[in-house]
N, C-alpha and C. Protein backbone atom coordinates (compact mmCIF):
# COMPACT_ATOMS: atom_id res chain seq x y z
N MET A 1 -5.04 5.03 5.56
CA MET A 1 -3.95 4.12 5.77
C MET A 1 -4.19 3.43 7.11
N PHE A 2 -4.01 2.13 7.10
CA PHE A 2 -4.26 1.32 8.29
C PHE A 2 -2.99 0.56 8.67
N LEU A 3 -2.55 0.77 9.90
CA LEU A 3 -1.36 0.11 10.44
C LEU A 3 -1.75 -0.68 11.68
N PHE A 4 -1.21 -1.84 11.80
CA PHE A 4 -1.41 -2.71 12.97
C PHE A 4 -2.89 -3.03 13.16
N GLY A 5 -3.55 -2.37 14.07
CA GLY A 5 -4.96 -2.65 14.34
C GLY A 5 -5.13 -3.70 15.42
N ASN A 6 -4.45 -3.46 16.54
CA ASN A 6 -4.63 -4.36 17.66
C ASN A 6 -4.87 -3.55 18.92
N LYS A 7 -5.28 -4.22 19.97
CA LYS A 7 -5.54 -3.56 21.25
C LYS A 7 -5.27 -4.55 22.37
N THR A 8 -5.10 -4.01 23.55
CA THR A 8 -4.90 -4.83 24.73
C THR A 8 -6.20 -4.83 25.52
N ASP A 9 -6.70 -6.01 25.83
CA ASP A 9 -7.94 -6.09 26.60
C ASP A 9 -7.62 -5.98 28.10
N PRO A 10 -8.64 -5.88 28.94
CA PRO A 10 -8.41 -5.71 30.37
C PRO A 10 -7.53 -6.79 31.02
N SER A 11 -7.52 -8.00 30.44
CA SER A 11 -6.69 -9.07 31.01
C SER A 11 -5.23 -9.00 30.55
N GLY A 12 -4.94 -8.06 29.62
CA GLY A 12 -3.59 -7.91 29.11
C GLY A 12 -3.32 -8.64 27.81
N SER A 13 -4.32 -9.36 27.31
CA SER A 13 -4.17 -10.07 26.04
C SER A 13 -4.32 -9.10 24.87
N ILE A 14 -3.59 -9.38 23.82
CA ILE A 14 -3.68 -8.55 22.62
C ILE A 14 -4.68 -9.19 21.67
N SER A 15 -5.58 -8.37 21.14
CA SER A 15 -6.57 -8.85 20.18
C SER A 15 -6.70 -7.83 19.06
N LYS A 16 -7.36 -8.26 18.00
CA LYS A 16 -7.59 -7.36 16.86
C LYS A 16 -8.60 -6.29 17.23
N ALA A 17 -8.32 -5.07 16.78
CA ALA A 17 -9.18 -3.94 17.09
C ALA A 17 -10.31 -3.84 16.06
N GLN A 18 -11.50 -4.16 16.49
CA GLN A 18 -12.66 -4.12 15.59
C GLN A 18 -12.97 -2.70 15.13
N GLY A 19 -12.58 -1.71 15.92
CA GLY A 19 -12.80 -0.31 15.53
C GLY A 19 -12.06 0.05 14.25
N VAL A 20 -10.93 -0.59 14.04
CA VAL A 20 -10.16 -0.35 12.81
C VAL A 20 -10.96 -0.85 11.61
N GLU A 21 -11.61 -1.98 11.77
CA GLU A 21 -12.44 -2.50 10.70
C GLU A 21 -13.62 -1.56 10.42
N GLU A 22 -14.19 -1.00 11.46
CA GLU A 22 -15.30 -0.05 11.29
C GLU A 22 -14.84 1.18 10.52
N GLU A 23 -13.65 1.69 10.85
CA GLU A 23 -13.11 2.85 10.13
C GLU A 23 -12.86 2.50 8.66
N PHE A 24 -12.40 1.29 8.41
CA PHE A 24 -12.19 0.80 7.06
C PHE A 24 -13.51 0.82 6.28
N LYS A 25 -14.55 0.29 6.89
CA LYS A 25 -15.86 0.25 6.23
C LYS A 25 -16.39 1.65 5.94
N ILE A 26 -16.17 2.56 6.86
CA ILE A 26 -16.61 3.95 6.66
C ILE A 26 -15.87 4.57 5.48
N ALA A 27 -14.57 4.36 5.42
CA ALA A 27 -13.77 4.90 4.31
C ALA A 27 -14.22 4.33 2.98
N VAL A 28 -14.46 3.03 2.93
CA VAL A 28 -14.91 2.38 1.70
C VAL A 28 -16.27 2.95 1.28
N LYS A 29 -17.15 3.11 2.23
CA LYS A 29 -18.49 3.65 1.93
C LYS A 29 -18.39 5.06 1.35
N LYS A 30 -17.40 5.82 1.82
CA LYS A 30 -17.21 7.19 1.32
C LYS A 30 -16.35 7.24 0.06
N GLU A 31 -16.03 6.06 -0.46
CA GLU A 31 -15.24 5.91 -1.68
C GLU A 31 -13.85 6.52 -1.55
N ILE A 32 -13.25 6.34 -0.39
CA ILE A 32 -11.88 6.77 -0.12
C ILE A 32 -10.98 5.56 -0.34
N TYR A 33 -9.85 5.77 -0.99
CA TYR A 33 -8.91 4.67 -1.16
C TYR A 33 -8.43 4.21 0.21
N VAL A 34 -8.48 2.92 0.44
CA VAL A 34 -8.00 2.34 1.70
C VAL A 34 -6.64 1.70 1.45
N VAL A 35 -5.73 1.91 2.39
CA VAL A 35 -4.38 1.38 2.24
C VAL A 35 -3.98 0.66 3.53
N PRO A 36 -4.45 -0.57 3.71
CA PRO A 36 -4.01 -1.33 4.88
C PRO A 36 -2.60 -1.89 4.64
N ILE A 37 -1.72 -1.62 5.57
CA ILE A 37 -0.33 -2.07 5.47
C ILE A 37 -0.26 -3.45 6.11
N GLY A 38 -0.44 -4.47 5.30
CA GLY A 38 -0.59 -5.84 5.77
C GLY A 38 0.58 -6.37 6.58
N CYS A 39 1.80 -5.93 6.28
CA CYS A 39 2.97 -6.46 6.98
C CYS A 39 3.01 -6.04 8.45
N THR A 40 2.16 -5.10 8.87
CA THR A 40 2.15 -4.70 10.28
C THR A 40 1.31 -5.65 11.12
N GLY A 41 0.59 -6.55 10.48
CA GLY A 41 -0.15 -7.59 11.19
C GLY A 41 -1.51 -7.14 11.70
N SER A 42 -2.07 -7.99 12.55
CA SER A 42 -3.37 -7.75 13.20
C SER A 42 -4.46 -7.43 12.19
N MET A 43 -5.31 -6.48 12.52
CA MET A 43 -6.45 -6.16 11.65
C MET A 43 -5.99 -5.63 10.30
N SER A 44 -4.88 -4.91 10.26
CA SER A 44 -4.39 -4.40 8.97
C SER A 44 -4.05 -5.54 8.02
N GLU A 45 -3.52 -6.61 8.55
CA GLU A 45 -3.23 -7.78 7.71
C GLU A 45 -4.53 -8.38 7.16
N ASP A 46 -5.54 -8.48 8.00
CA ASP A 46 -6.85 -9.00 7.55
C ASP A 46 -7.44 -8.11 6.46
N LEU A 47 -7.38 -6.80 6.68
CA LEU A 47 -7.96 -5.86 5.72
C LEU A 47 -7.19 -5.88 4.41
N HIS A 48 -5.88 -6.02 4.49
CA HIS A 48 -5.07 -6.12 3.27
C HIS A 48 -5.51 -7.33 2.45
N GLY A 49 -5.71 -8.46 3.13
CA GLY A 49 -6.18 -9.67 2.45
C GLY A 49 -7.54 -9.48 1.82
N ARG A 50 -8.42 -8.76 2.50
CA ARG A 50 -9.76 -8.50 1.98
C ARG A 50 -9.67 -7.68 0.69
N VAL A 51 -8.81 -6.69 0.68
CA VAL A 51 -8.65 -5.85 -0.51
C VAL A 51 -8.08 -6.68 -1.66
N ILE A 52 -7.06 -7.48 -1.39
CA ILE A 52 -6.45 -8.31 -2.44
C ILE A 52 -7.47 -9.25 -3.06
N CYS A 53 -8.33 -9.83 -2.23
CA CYS A 53 -9.32 -10.80 -2.73
C CYS A 53 -10.35 -10.18 -3.67
N ASP A 54 -10.58 -8.90 -3.55
CA ASP A 54 -11.58 -8.23 -4.38
C ASP A 54 -10.99 -6.89 -4.87
N PHE A 55 -9.77 -6.98 -5.38
CA PHE A 55 -8.98 -5.78 -5.65
C PHE A 55 -9.67 -4.77 -6.56
N SER A 56 -10.31 -5.22 -7.61
CA SER A 56 -10.91 -4.28 -8.57
C SER A 56 -12.05 -3.46 -7.96
N THR A 57 -12.64 -3.95 -6.89
CA THR A 57 -13.68 -3.18 -6.20
C THR A 57 -13.05 -1.99 -5.47
N TYR A 58 -11.91 -2.20 -4.85
CA TYR A 58 -11.25 -1.16 -4.07
C TYR A 58 -10.38 -0.25 -4.94
N TYR A 59 -9.80 -0.81 -5.99
CA TYR A 59 -8.93 -0.07 -6.90
C TYR A 59 -9.33 -0.38 -8.34
N PRO A 60 -10.35 0.33 -8.84
CA PRO A 60 -10.84 0.03 -10.19
C PRO A 60 -9.87 0.44 -11.30
N VAL A 61 -8.88 1.27 -10.98
CA VAL A 61 -7.89 1.70 -11.96
C VAL A 61 -6.73 0.71 -11.95
N ARG A 62 -6.25 0.36 -13.11
CA ARG A 62 -5.15 -0.61 -13.21
C ARG A 62 -3.83 -0.01 -12.76
N GLY A 63 -2.91 -0.88 -12.40
CA GLY A 63 -1.55 -0.45 -12.12
C GLY A 63 -1.17 -0.36 -10.65
N TYR A 64 -2.03 -0.85 -9.77
CA TYR A 64 -1.75 -0.75 -8.34
C TYR A 64 -1.51 -2.08 -7.65
N LYS A 65 -1.95 -3.15 -8.23
CA LYS A 65 -1.98 -4.43 -7.52
C LYS A 65 -0.59 -4.93 -7.10
N ILE A 66 0.39 -4.84 -7.97
CA ILE A 66 1.73 -5.31 -7.62
C ILE A 66 2.29 -4.49 -6.47
N MET A 67 2.15 -3.19 -6.54
CA MET A 67 2.63 -2.32 -5.46
C MET A 67 1.87 -2.60 -4.17
N PHE A 68 0.57 -2.81 -4.28
CA PHE A 68 -0.23 -3.07 -3.09
C PHE A 68 0.18 -4.39 -2.44
N ARG A 69 0.42 -5.41 -3.23
CA ARG A 69 0.84 -6.70 -2.69
C ARG A 69 2.12 -6.56 -1.86
N LYS A 70 3.01 -5.72 -2.30
CA LYS A 70 4.28 -5.52 -1.59
C LYS A 70 4.06 -4.94 -0.19
N LEU A 71 2.92 -4.33 0.05
CA LEU A 71 2.63 -3.77 1.38
C LEU A 71 2.36 -4.86 2.41
N SER A 72 2.30 -6.10 1.97
CA SER A 72 2.09 -7.21 2.91
C SER A 72 3.40 -7.94 3.21
N GLN A 73 4.46 -7.58 2.52
CA GLN A 73 5.74 -8.27 2.68
C GLN A 73 6.55 -7.64 3.81
N LYS A 74 6.99 -8.49 4.74
CA LYS A 74 7.78 -8.01 5.87
C LYS A 74 9.19 -7.69 5.40
N HIS A 75 9.66 -6.52 5.78
CA HIS A 75 11.01 -6.05 5.47
C HIS A 75 11.43 -5.10 6.58
N SER A 76 12.53 -4.46 6.38
CA SER A 76 13.00 -3.47 7.36
C SER A 76 12.00 -2.31 7.40
N PRO A 77 11.95 -1.60 8.52
CA PRO A 77 11.05 -0.44 8.59
C PRO A 77 11.29 0.57 7.46
N ASP A 78 12.56 0.78 7.11
CA ASP A 78 12.86 1.71 6.02
C ASP A 78 12.29 1.24 4.69
N GLN A 79 12.40 -0.05 4.41
CA GLN A 79 11.88 -0.60 3.16
C GLN A 79 10.35 -0.52 3.13
N VAL A 80 9.72 -0.84 4.24
CA VAL A 80 8.25 -0.75 4.31
C VAL A 80 7.82 0.70 4.10
N ALA A 81 8.48 1.63 4.77
CA ALA A 81 8.14 3.05 4.63
C ALA A 81 8.31 3.50 3.18
N LYS A 82 9.38 3.05 2.54
CA LYS A 82 9.63 3.41 1.13
C LYS A 82 8.49 2.91 0.24
N ARG A 83 8.05 1.68 0.46
CA ARG A 83 6.96 1.13 -0.35
C ARG A 83 5.65 1.88 -0.12
N VAL A 84 5.39 2.23 1.13
CA VAL A 84 4.17 2.98 1.44
C VAL A 84 4.20 4.34 0.75
N VAL A 85 5.33 5.03 0.84
CA VAL A 85 5.45 6.36 0.22
C VAL A 85 5.28 6.25 -1.30
N GLU A 86 5.89 5.26 -1.91
CA GLU A 86 5.75 5.07 -3.37
C GLU A 86 4.29 4.84 -3.75
N PHE A 87 3.61 4.03 -2.97
CA PHE A 87 2.21 3.72 -3.26
C PHE A 87 1.34 4.97 -3.12
N VAL A 88 1.55 5.71 -2.05
CA VAL A 88 0.75 6.92 -1.81
C VAL A 88 1.05 7.98 -2.87
N LYS A 89 2.30 8.12 -3.25
CA LYS A 89 2.66 9.08 -4.31
C LYS A 89 1.94 8.73 -5.61
N LYS A 90 1.88 7.45 -5.92
CA LYS A 90 1.18 7.03 -7.14
C LYS A 90 -0.31 7.38 -7.05
N LEU A 91 -0.90 7.11 -5.89
CA LEU A 91 -2.31 7.47 -5.70
C LEU A 91 -2.54 8.96 -5.88
N ARG A 92 -1.70 9.74 -5.24
CA ARG A 92 -1.86 11.21 -5.30
C ARG A 92 -1.66 11.75 -6.70
N SER A 93 -0.72 11.19 -7.44
CA SER A 93 -0.42 11.70 -8.78
C SER A 93 -1.53 11.36 -9.78
N GLU A 94 -2.29 10.31 -9.48
CA GLU A 94 -3.32 9.88 -10.44
C GLU A 94 -4.73 10.21 -9.97
N ALA A 95 -4.85 10.79 -8.78
CA ALA A 95 -6.20 11.10 -8.25
C ALA A 95 -6.73 12.39 -8.83
């Protein structure tokens, strides 16, 4: 699961954390389901978009795309948490 994915550089500017992308690549290489929560922004938003663009590569089993898309929609923290839990429960029940 990937949330946010930003860092503060020495000048105080916020930038995307490339280390998060490296962890994503490692997980994909190990054939672990990746769950970037796009609505948190930064690198997680980029990774969420990458998964959506080539969804069947990351999730070859049907029935996840609609739920996954919802992880990019901004809502209250409670609603986002509920969507994440529902998605993870579905993964766990079918793994």
